[in-house]
């Protein structure tokens, strides 16, 4: 049996972490250092795409690389400490690591107990983070908040996320943005969307999400059902509050 029979990928910003306070602080410092006006309040409503897309709103093209580099240098000092874990983030990671194919119905209980020991086969699941964020800063966030995935892959956005998802054999990708849905579909993974970022549930469904959850607190129970239904061949479940959500078997 493979060492990791179930691998699940997660986006970072507005999926696992609420980085708006930290990003706002980093943009404000960038504005002060460069003398360039940046509407930081507006910028944090558009999280998801690569940094350079936002920087282009405030800097001429010839300064985008320089300003982006300075922002990334400032980020560890200004962006990490104010950032919070999203509700259910730690439980979602623990649920994956407790599950694995063959883990049966114990995944949610194990996650709530804070353990990473699977049941059934004993083979663990693997949780990876695939994000557009600069990888060193992504790792700083996770370490600061005590969120412990098995791997972190940065600087990948939308369909490009499929590169890492395929490399790690991810069967599920969880994210808050339509770009995350596109990445999951490009990888042939189940797209589980959480309506905790800039895109609402209807947008996520329209983009092709297989399941939309209110937040990550719903994820361990969904994963438990996914594992059980994968084993009995009935397909993975819909989200709890999304009637008419496409079943993953037909996605």
C-alpha atoms as a PDB file:
ATOM      1  CA  UNK A   1       0.000   0.000   0.000  1.00  0.00           C
ATOM      2  CA  UNK A   2       1.221   3.542  -0.750  1.00  0.00           C
ATOM      3  CA  UNK A   3       2.597   5.498   2.180  1.00  0.00           C
ATOM      4  CA  UNK A   4      -0.084   8.174   1.692  1.00  0.00           C
ATOM      5  CA  UNK A   5      -3.278   6.566   0.384  1.00  0.00           C
ATOM      6  CA  UNK A   6      -5.177   9.882   0.588  1.00  0.00           C
ATOM      7  CA  UNK A   7      -3.651  13.274  -0.218  1.00  0.00           C
ATOM      8  CA  UNK A   8      -5.674  16.478   0.129  1.00  0.00           C
ATOM      9  CA  UNK A   9      -4.472  19.902  -0.965  1.00  0.00           C
ATOM     10  CA  UNK A  10      -5.470  23.181   0.666  1.00  0.00           C
ATOM     11  CA  UNK A  11      -5.195  26.773  -0.447  1.00  0.00           C
ATOM     12  CA  UNK A  12      -3.768  29.167   2.156  1.00  0.00           C
ATOM     13  CA  UNK A  13      -5.134  32.747   2.153  1.00  0.00           C
ATOM     14  CA  UNK A  14      -8.791  32.876   3.237  1.00  0.00           C
ATOM     15  CA  UNK A  15      -8.942  29.074   3.261  1.00  0.00           C
ATOM     16  CA  UNK A  16      -6.604  28.113   6.119  1.00  0.00           C
ATOM     17  CA  UNK A  17      -5.664  31.609   7.292  1.00  0.00           C
ATOM     18  CA  UNK A  18      -7.308  35.023   7.496  1.00  0.00           C
ATOM     19  CA  UNK A  19      -4.353  37.006   6.236  1.00  0.00           C
ATOM     20  CA  UNK A  20      -6.248  40.255   5.664  1.00  0.00           C
ATOM     21  CA  UNK A  21      -4.872  42.062   8.747  1.00  0.00           C
ATOM     22  CA  UNK A  22      -1.289  41.070   7.930  1.00  0.00           C
ATOM     23  CA  UNK A  23      -1.534  41.848   4.232  1.00  0.00           C
ATOM     24  CA  UNK A  24      -3.128  45.209   5.004  1.00  0.00           C
ATOM     25  CA  UNK A  25      -0.248  46.061   7.344  1.00  0.00           C
ATOM     26  CA  UNK A  26       2.324  44.999   4.743  1.00  0.00           C
ATOM     27  CA  UNK A  27       0.689  47.119   2.026  1.00  0.00           C
ATOM     28  CA  UNK A  28       0.552  50.120   4.338  1.00  0.00           C
ATOM     29  CA  UNK A  29       4.260  49.785   5.056  1.00  0.00           C
ATOM     30  CA  UNK A  30       5.006  49.362   1.345  1.00  0.00           C
ATOM     31  CA  UNK A  31       3.080  52.566   0.642  1.00  0.00           C
ATOM     32  CA  UNK A  32       5.015  54.411   3.336  1.00  0.00           C
ATOM     33  CA  UNK A  33       8.386  53.145   2.089  1.00  0.00           C
ATOM     34  CA  UNK A  34       7.733  53.950  -1.572  1.00  0.00           C
ATOM     35  CA  UNK A  35       5.612  57.077  -1.254  1.00  0.00           C
ATOM     36  CA  UNK A  36       2.954  55.420  -3.424  1.00  0.00           C
ATOM     37  CA  UNK A  37      -0.732  55.453  -2.549  1.00  0.00           C
ATOM     38  CA  UNK A  38      -2.171  51.957  -2.006  1.00  0.00           C
ATOM     39  CA  UNK A  39      -5.749  51.383  -0.878  1.00  0.00           C
ATOM     40  CA  UNK A  40      -4.925  48.538   1.482  1.00  0.00           C
ATOM     41  CA  UNK A  41      -8.551  48.112   2.552  1.00  0.00           C
ATOM     42  CA  UNK A  42      -9.537  47.455  -1.057  1.00  0.00           C
ATOM     43  CA  UNK A  43      -6.528  45.247  -1.729  1.00  0.00           C
ATOM     44  CA  UNK A  44      -7.478  42.755   0.975  1.00  0.00           C
ATOM     45  CA  UNK A  45     -10.876  42.194  -0.661  1.00  0.00           C
ATOM     46  CA  UNK A  46      -9.134  40.734  -3.719  1.00  0.00           C
ATOM     47  CA  UNK A  47      -6.948  38.026  -2.186  1.00  0.00           C
ATOM     48  CA  UNK A  48      -6.167  34.939  -4.227  1.00  0.00           C
ATOM     49  CA  UNK A  49      -4.353  35.944  -7.430  1.00  0.00           C
ATOM     50  CA  UNK A  50      -0.578  36.499  -7.501  1.00  0.00           C
ATOM     51  CA  UNK A  51       0.806  39.554  -5.715  1.00  0.00           C
ATOM     52  CA  UNK A  52       1.899  41.182  -8.963  1.00  0.00           C
ATOM     53  CA  UNK A  53      -1.716  41.534 -10.114  1.00  0.00           C
ATOM     54  CA  UNK A  54      -2.487  43.793  -7.155  1.00  0.00           C
ATOM     55  CA  UNK A  55       0.811  45.665  -7.346  1.00  0.00           C
ATOM     56  CA  UNK A  56       0.007  46.636 -10.956  1.00  0.00           C
ATOM     57  CA  UNK A  57      -2.988  48.591  -9.700  1.00  0.00           C
ATOM     58  CA  UNK A  58      -0.677  50.988  -7.858  1.00  0.00           C
ATOM     59  CA  UNK A  59       2.701  50.939  -9.604  1.00  0.00           C
ATOM     60  CA  UNK A  60       3.721  51.396 -13.252  1.00  0.00           C
ATOM     61  CA  UNK A  61       4.801  48.216 -15.011  1.00  0.00           C
ATOM     62  CA  UNK A  62       8.493  49.066 -14.805  1.00  0.00           C
ATOM     63  CA  UNK A  63       8.251  49.154 -10.983  1.00  0.00           C
ATOM     64  CA  UNK A  64       6.132  46.040 -10.434  1.00  0.00           C
ATOM     65  CA  UNK A  65       9.046  43.644  -9.903  1.00  0.00           C
ATOM     66  CA  UNK A  66      10.831  46.043  -7.538  1.00  0.00           C
ATOM     67  CA  UNK A  67       7.695  46.802  -5.507  1.00  0.00           C
ATOM     68  CA  UNK A  68       6.731  43.131  -5.321  1.00  0.00           C
ATOM     69  CA  UNK A  69      10.197  42.227  -4.101  1.00  0.00           C
ATOM     70  CA  UNK A  70      10.092  44.923  -1.412  1.00  0.00           C
ATOM     71  CA  UNK A  71       6.651  43.777  -0.286  1.00  0.00           C
ATOM     72  CA  UNK A  72       7.924  40.214   0.133  1.00  0.00           C
ATOM     73  CA  UNK A  73      10.895  41.495   2.139  1.00  0.00           C
ATOM     74  CA  UNK A  74       8.600  43.504   4.428  1.00  0.00           C
ATOM     75  CA  UNK A  75       6.064  40.733   4.837  1.00  0.00           C
ATOM     76  CA  UNK A  76       7.762  38.639   7.550  1.00  0.00           C
ATOM     77  CA  UNK A  77       7.917  41.678   9.851  1.00  0.00           C
ATOM     78  CA  UNK A  78       4.477  43.137   9.137  1.00  0.00           C
ATOM     79  CA  UNK A  79       2.320  40.352   7.709  1.00  0.00           C
ATOM     80  CA  UNK A  80       2.750  37.328   9.960  1.00  0.00           C
ATOM     81  CA  UNK A  81       1.810  38.304  13.507  1.00  0.00           C
ATOM     82  CA  UNK A  82      -1.583  39.949  12.750  1.00  0.00           C
ATOM     83  CA  UNK A  83      -2.792  36.965  10.705  1.00  0.00           C
ATOM     84  CA  UNK A  84      -5.261  34.507  12.233  1.00  0.00           C
ATOM     85  CA  UNK A  85      -6.143  30.886  11.566  1.00  0.00           C
ATOM     86  CA  UNK A  86      -9.493  30.382   9.871  1.00  0.00           C
ATOM     87  CA  UNK A  87     -12.146  28.609  11.896  1.00  0.00           C
ATOM     88  CA  UNK A  88     -11.639  24.869  11.512  1.00  0.00           C
ATOM     89  CA  UNK A  89      -8.230  25.094   9.822  1.00  0.00           C
ATOM     90  CA  UNK A  90      -6.335  22.934  12.288  1.00  0.00           C
ATOM     91  CA  UNK A  91      -9.187  20.434  12.483  1.00  0.00           C
ATOM     92  CA  UNK A  92      -9.291  20.119   8.690  1.00  0.00           C
ATOM     93  CA  UNK A  93      -5.577  19.340   8.443  1.00  0.00           C
ATOM     94  CA  UNK A  94      -5.824  16.871  11.323  1.00  0.00           C
ATOM     95  CA  UNK A  95      -8.828  15.166   9.724  1.00  0.00           C
ATOM     96  CA  UNK A  96      -6.858  14.461   6.557  1.00  0.00           C
ATOM     97  CA  UNK A  97      -3.833  13.200   8.445  1.00  0.00           C
ATOM     98  CA  UNK A  98      -6.089  10.974  10.557  1.00  0.00           C
ATOM     99  CA  UNK A  99      -7.971   9.576   7.596  1.00  0.00           C
ATOM    100  CA  UNK A 100      -6.307   7.891   4.661  1.00  0.00           C
ATOM    101  CA  UNK A 101      -8.223   5.450   2.499  1.00  0.00           C
ATOM    102  CA  UNK A 102      -9.408   2.656   4.723  1.00  0.00           C
ATOM    103  CA  UNK A 103      -9.557   4.916   7.785  1.00  0.00           C
ATOM    104  CA  UNK A 104     -13.281   4.407   7.905  1.00  0.00           C
ATOM    105  CA  UNK A 105     -15.508   6.463  10.160  1.00  0.00           C
ATOM    106  CA  UNK A 106     -12.903   7.529  12.699  1.00  0.00           C
ATOM    107  CA  UNK A 107     -11.471  10.548  10.875  1.00  0.00           C
ATOM    108  CA  UNK A 108     -13.645  13.253  12.399  1.00  0.00           C
ATOM    109  CA  UNK A 109     -13.358  11.904  15.921  1.00  0.00           C
ATOM    110  CA  UNK A 110      -9.581  11.629  15.622  1.00  0.00           C
ATOM    111  CA  UNK A 111      -9.338  15.174  14.273  1.00  0.00           C
ATOM    112  CA  UNK A 112     -11.482  16.585  17.072  1.00  0.00           C
ATOM    113  CA  UNK A 113      -9.258  14.797  19.560  1.00  0.00           C
ATOM    114  CA  UNK A 114      -6.252  16.504  17.985  1.00  0.00           C
ATOM    115  CA  UNK A 115      -4.576  13.277  16.921  1.00  0.00           C
ATOM    116  CA  UNK A 116      -3.074  12.319  13.577  1.00  0.00           C
ATOM    117  CA  UNK A 117      -3.314   8.566  13.983  1.00  0.00           C
ATOM    118  CA  UNK A 118      -5.609   6.931  11.461  1.00  0.00           C
ATOM    119  CA  UNK A 119      -7.818   3.958  12.132  1.00  0.00           C
ATOM    120  CA  UNK A 120      -8.484   0.916  10.010  1.00  0.00           C
ATOM    121  CA  UNK A 121      -5.373   0.423   7.889  1.00  0.00           C
ATOM    122  CA  UNK A 122      -3.225   2.704  10.031  1.00  0.00           C
ATOM    123  CA  UNK A 123      -1.924   4.404   6.868  1.00  0.00           C
ATOM    124  CA  UNK A 124      -2.047   8.191   7.341  1.00  0.00           C
ATOM    125  CA  UNK A 125      -3.495  10.735   4.999  1.00  0.00           C
ATOM    126  CA  UNK A 126      -1.349  13.601   3.764  1.00  0.00           C
ATOM    127  CA  UNK A 127      -2.315  17.291   3.823  1.00  0.00           C
ATOM    128  CA  UNK A 128      -0.453  19.676   1.520  1.00  0.00           C
ATOM    129  CA  UNK A 129      -0.755  23.432   1.048  1.00  0.00           C
ATOM    130  CA  UNK A 130      -0.650  24.708  -2.537  1.00  0.00           C
ATOM    131  CA  UNK A 131      -0.761  28.495  -2.679  1.00  0.00           C
ATOM    132  CA  UNK A 132       0.000  31.494  -4.862  1.00  0.00           C
ATOM    133  CA  UNK A 133       1.807  33.058  -1.902  1.00  0.00           C
ATOM    134  CA  UNK A 134       5.599  33.299  -1.840  1.00  0.00           C
ATOM    135  CA  UNK A 135       6.556  29.959  -0.329  1.00  0.00           C
ATOM    136  CA  UNK A 136       8.876  31.172   2.469  1.00  0.00           C
ATOM    137  CA  UNK A 137       6.164  33.533   3.732  1.00  0.00           C
ATOM    138  CA  UNK A 138       3.529  30.802   3.488  1.00  0.00           C
ATOM    139  CA  UNK A 139       5.681  28.583   5.693  1.00  0.00           C
ATOM    140  CA  UNK A 140       6.146  31.411   8.206  1.00  0.00           C
ATOM    141  CA  UNK A 141       2.375  31.778   8.514  1.00  0.00           C
ATOM    142  CA  UNK A 142       1.806  28.094   9.127  1.00  0.00           C
ATOM    143  CA  UNK A 143       4.611  27.824  11.677  1.00  0.00           C
ATOM    144  CA  UNK A 144       3.384  30.919  13.536  1.00  0.00           C
ATOM    145  CA  UNK A 145      -0.159  29.537  13.759  1.00  0.00           C
ATOM    146  CA  UNK A 146       0.819  25.963  14.583  1.00  0.00           C
ATOM    147  CA  UNK A 147      -0.779  24.530  11.444  1.00  0.00           C
ATOM    148  CA  UNK A 148       1.272  21.527  10.347  1.00  0.00           C
ATOM    149  CA  UNK A 149       0.709  20.268   6.794  1.00  0.00           C
ATOM    150  CA  UNK A 150       2.983  17.634   5.291  1.00  0.00           C
ATOM    151  CA  UNK A 151       4.228  19.874   2.470  1.00  0.00           C
ATOM    152  CA  UNK A 152       3.945  23.497   1.333  1.00  0.00           C
ATOM    153  CA  UNK A 153       4.220  24.517  -2.323  1.00  0.00           C
ATOM    154  CA  UNK A 154       4.085  28.220  -3.170  1.00  0.00           C
ATOM    155  CA  UNK A 155       3.911  30.596  -6.144  1.00  0.00           C
ATOM    156  CA  UNK A 156       1.249  28.582  -8.005  1.00  0.00           C
ATOM    157  CA  UNK A 157      -2.050  30.131  -9.074  1.00  0.00           C
ATOM    158  CA  UNK A 158      -5.213  28.743 -10.659  1.00  0.00           C
ATOM    159  CA  UNK A 159      -4.496  26.046 -13.283  1.00  0.00           C
ATOM    160  CA  UNK A 160      -0.791  26.083 -12.376  1.00  0.00           C
ATOM    161  CA  UNK A 161      -1.728  24.586  -9.002  1.00  0.00           C
ATOM    162  CA  UNK A 162      -2.475  21.378 -10.880  1.00  0.00           C
ATOM    163  CA  UNK A 163       1.288  20.837 -11.266  1.00  0.00           C
ATOM    164  CA  UNK A 164       1.740  20.312  -7.533  1.00  0.00           C
ATOM    165  CA  UNK A 165      -1.584  18.546  -7.066  1.00  0.00           C
ATOM    166  CA  UNK A 166      -0.662  15.972  -9.702  1.00  0.00           C
ATOM    167  CA  UNK A 167       2.906  15.628  -8.408  1.00  0.00           C
ATOM    168  CA  UNK A 168       1.639  14.771  -4.925  1.00  0.00           C
ATOM    169  CA  UNK A 169      -1.297  12.705  -6.158  1.00  0.00           C
ATOM    170  CA  UNK A 170      -3.921  14.889  -4.493  1.00  0.00           C
ATOM    171  CA  UNK A 171      -7.452  13.540  -4.852  1.00  0.00           C
ATOM    172  CA  UNK A 172      -9.108  16.628  -3.319  1.00  0.00           C
ATOM    173  CA  UNK A 173      -8.267  20.329  -3.382  1.00  0.00           C
ATOM    174  CA  UNK A 174      -9.883  22.761  -0.936  1.00  0.00           C
ATOM    175  CA  UNK A 175      -9.970  26.494  -1.635  1.00  0.00           C
ATOM    176  CA  UNK A 176     -12.008  29.673  -1.394  1.00  0.00           C
ATOM    177  CA  UNK A 177     -11.485  31.194  -4.857  1.00  0.00           C
ATOM    178  CA  UNK A 178     -12.682  30.329  -8.353  1.00  0.00           C
ATOM    179  CA  UNK A 179      -8.987  30.053  -9.239  1.00  0.00           C
ATOM    180  CA  UNK A 180      -8.744  27.202  -6.733  1.00  0.00           C
ATOM    181  CA  UNK A 181     -11.668  25.471  -8.413  1.00  0.00           C
ATOM    182  CA  UNK A 182      -9.909  25.794 -11.762  1.00  0.00           C
ATOM    183  CA  UNK A 183      -6.734  24.339 -10.282  1.00  0.00           C
ATOM    184  CA  UNK A 184      -8.578  21.354  -8.844  1.00  0.00           C
ATOM    185  CA  UNK A 185     -10.349  20.638 -12.104  1.00  0.00           C
ATOM    186  CA  UNK A 186      -7.132  20.950 -14.112  1.00  0.00           C
ATOM    187  CA  UNK A 187      -5.605  18.322 -11.817  1.00  0.00           C
ATOM    188  CA  UNK A 188      -8.603  16.001 -12.037  1.00  0.00           C
ATOM    189  CA  UNK A 189      -9.159  16.420  -8.285  1.00  0.00           C
ATOM    190  CA  UNK A 190     -12.414  16.851  -6.391  1.00  0.00           C
ATOM    191  CA  UNK A 191     -12.987  20.584  -5.897  1.00  0.00           C
ATOM    192  CA  UNK A 192     -14.152  21.358  -2.364  1.00  0.00           C
ATOM    193  CA  UNK A 193     -14.825  25.081  -2.027  1.00  0.00           C
ATOM    194  CA  UNK A 194     -15.287  27.068   1.171  1.00  0.00           C
ATOM    195  CA  UNK A 195     -17.236  30.321   1.010  1.00  0.00           C
ATOM    196  CA  UNK A 196     -14.833  32.181   3.288  1.00  0.00           C
ATOM    197  CA  UNK A 197     -13.023  34.348   0.735  1.00  0.00           C
ATOM    198  CA  UNK A 198     -13.939  36.836  -1.982  1.00  0.00           C
ATOM    199  CA  UNK A 199     -16.144  34.392  -3.943  1.00  0.00           C
ATOM    200  CA  UNK A 200     -19.597  33.412  -2.735  1.00  0.00           C
ATOM    201  CA  UNK A 201     -21.092  29.963  -2.996  1.00  0.00           C
ATOM    202  CA  UNK A 202     -22.914  30.622  -6.259  1.00  0.00           C
ATOM    203  CA  UNK A 203     -19.713  31.852  -7.924  1.00  0.00           C
ATOM    204  CA  UNK A 204     -17.828  28.795  -6.719  1.00  0.00           C
ATOM    205  CA  UNK A 205     -20.504  26.441  -8.007  1.00  0.00           C
ATOM    206  CA  UNK A 206     -20.648  28.249 -11.337  1.00  0.00           C
ATOM    207  CA  UNK A 207     -16.869  27.824 -11.639  1.00  0.00           C
ATOM    208  CA  UNK A 208     -17.296  24.062 -11.289  1.00  0.00           C
ATOM    209  CA  UNK A 209     -16.860  23.286  -7.587  1.00  0.00           C
ATOM    210  CA  UNK A 210     -18.066  19.794  -6.718  1.00  0.00           C
ATOM    211  CA  UNK A 211     -18.931  20.773  -3.140  1.00  0.00           C
ATOM    212  CA  UNK A 212     -19.344  24.117  -1.359  1.00  0.00           C
ATOM    213  CA  UNK A 213     -18.989  24.216   2.428  1.00  0.00           C
ATOM    214  CA  UNK A 214     -19.739  27.158   4.696  1.00  0.00           C
ATOM    215  CA  UNK A 215     -16.292  26.944   6.253  1.00  0.00           C
ATOM    216  CA  UNK A 216     -13.683  24.382   7.264  1.00  0.00           C
ATOM    217  CA  UNK A 217     -15.641  23.366  10.353  1.00  0.00           C
ATOM    218  CA  UNK A 218     -17.810  21.350   7.950  1.00  0.00           C
ATOM    219  CA  UNK A 219     -14.837  19.643   6.327  1.00  0.00           C
ATOM    220  CA  UNK A 220     -14.020  16.751   8.730  1.00  0.00           C
ATOM    221  CA  UNK A 221     -17.584  15.414   8.531  1.00  0.00           C
ATOM    222  CA  UNK A 222     -17.593  15.760   4.729  1.00  0.00           C
ATOM    223  CA  UNK A 223     -14.231  13.979   4.503  1.00  0.00           C
ATOM    224  CA  UNK A 224     -15.473  11.190   6.740  1.00  0.00           C
ATOM    225  CA  UNK A 225     -18.380  10.594   4.368  1.00  0.00           C
ATOM    226  CA  UNK A 226     -16.107  10.882   1.324  1.00  0.00           C
ATOM    227  CA  UNK A 227     -13.809   8.158   2.656  1.00  0.00           C
ATOM    228  CA  UNK A 228     -16.704   5.882   3.582  1.00  0.00           C
ATOM    229  CA  UNK A 229     -18.527   6.375   0.272  1.00  0.00           C
ATOM    230  CA  UNK A 230     -15.317   5.960  -1.731  1.00  0.00           C
ATOM    231  CA  UNK A 231     -14.851   2.585  -0.092  1.00  0.00           C
ATOM    232  CA  UNK A 232     -18.376   1.398  -0.846  1.00  0.00           C
ATOM    233  CA  UNK A 233     -18.329   2.852  -4.370  1.00  0.00           C
ATOM    234  CA  UNK A 234     -21.273   5.226  -3.947  1.00  0.00           C
ATOM    235  CA  UNK A 235     -19.336   8.410  -4.730  1.00  0.00           C
ATOM    236  CA  UNK A 236     -18.470  11.371  -2.531  1.00  0.00           C
ATOM    237  CA  UNK A 237     -21.116  13.440  -0.710  1.00  0.00           C
ATOM    238  CA  UNK A 238     -22.439  16.884  -1.509  1.00  0.00           C
ATOM    239  CA  UNK A 239     -22.024  19.784   0.885  1.00  0.00           C
ATOM    240  CA  UNK A 240     -24.499  20.139   3.765  1.00  0.00           C
ATOM    241  CA  UNK A 241     -26.053  23.402   2.593  1.00  0.00           C
ATOM    242  CA  UNK A 242     -25.801  23.206  -1.175  1.00  0.00           C
ATOM    243  CA  UNK A 243     -28.830  21.441  -2.640  1.00  0.00           C
ATOM    244  CA  UNK A 244     -28.232  20.614  -6.258  1.00  0.00           C
ATOM    245  CA  UNK A 245     -24.473  20.609  -5.853  1.00  0.00           C
ATOM    246  CA  UNK A 246     -22.999  18.250  -8.480  1.00  0.00           C
ATOM    247  CA  UNK A 247     -22.021  14.871  -7.105  1.00  0.00           C
ATOM    248  CA  UNK A 248     -18.321  14.235  -7.581  1.00  0.00           C
ATOM    249  CA  UNK A 249     -19.008  10.966  -9.363  1.00  0.00           C
ATOM    250  CA  UNK A 250     -20.407  12.945 -12.288  1.00  0.00           C
ATOM    251  CA  UNK A 251     -17.866  15.775 -12.155  1.00  0.00           C
END
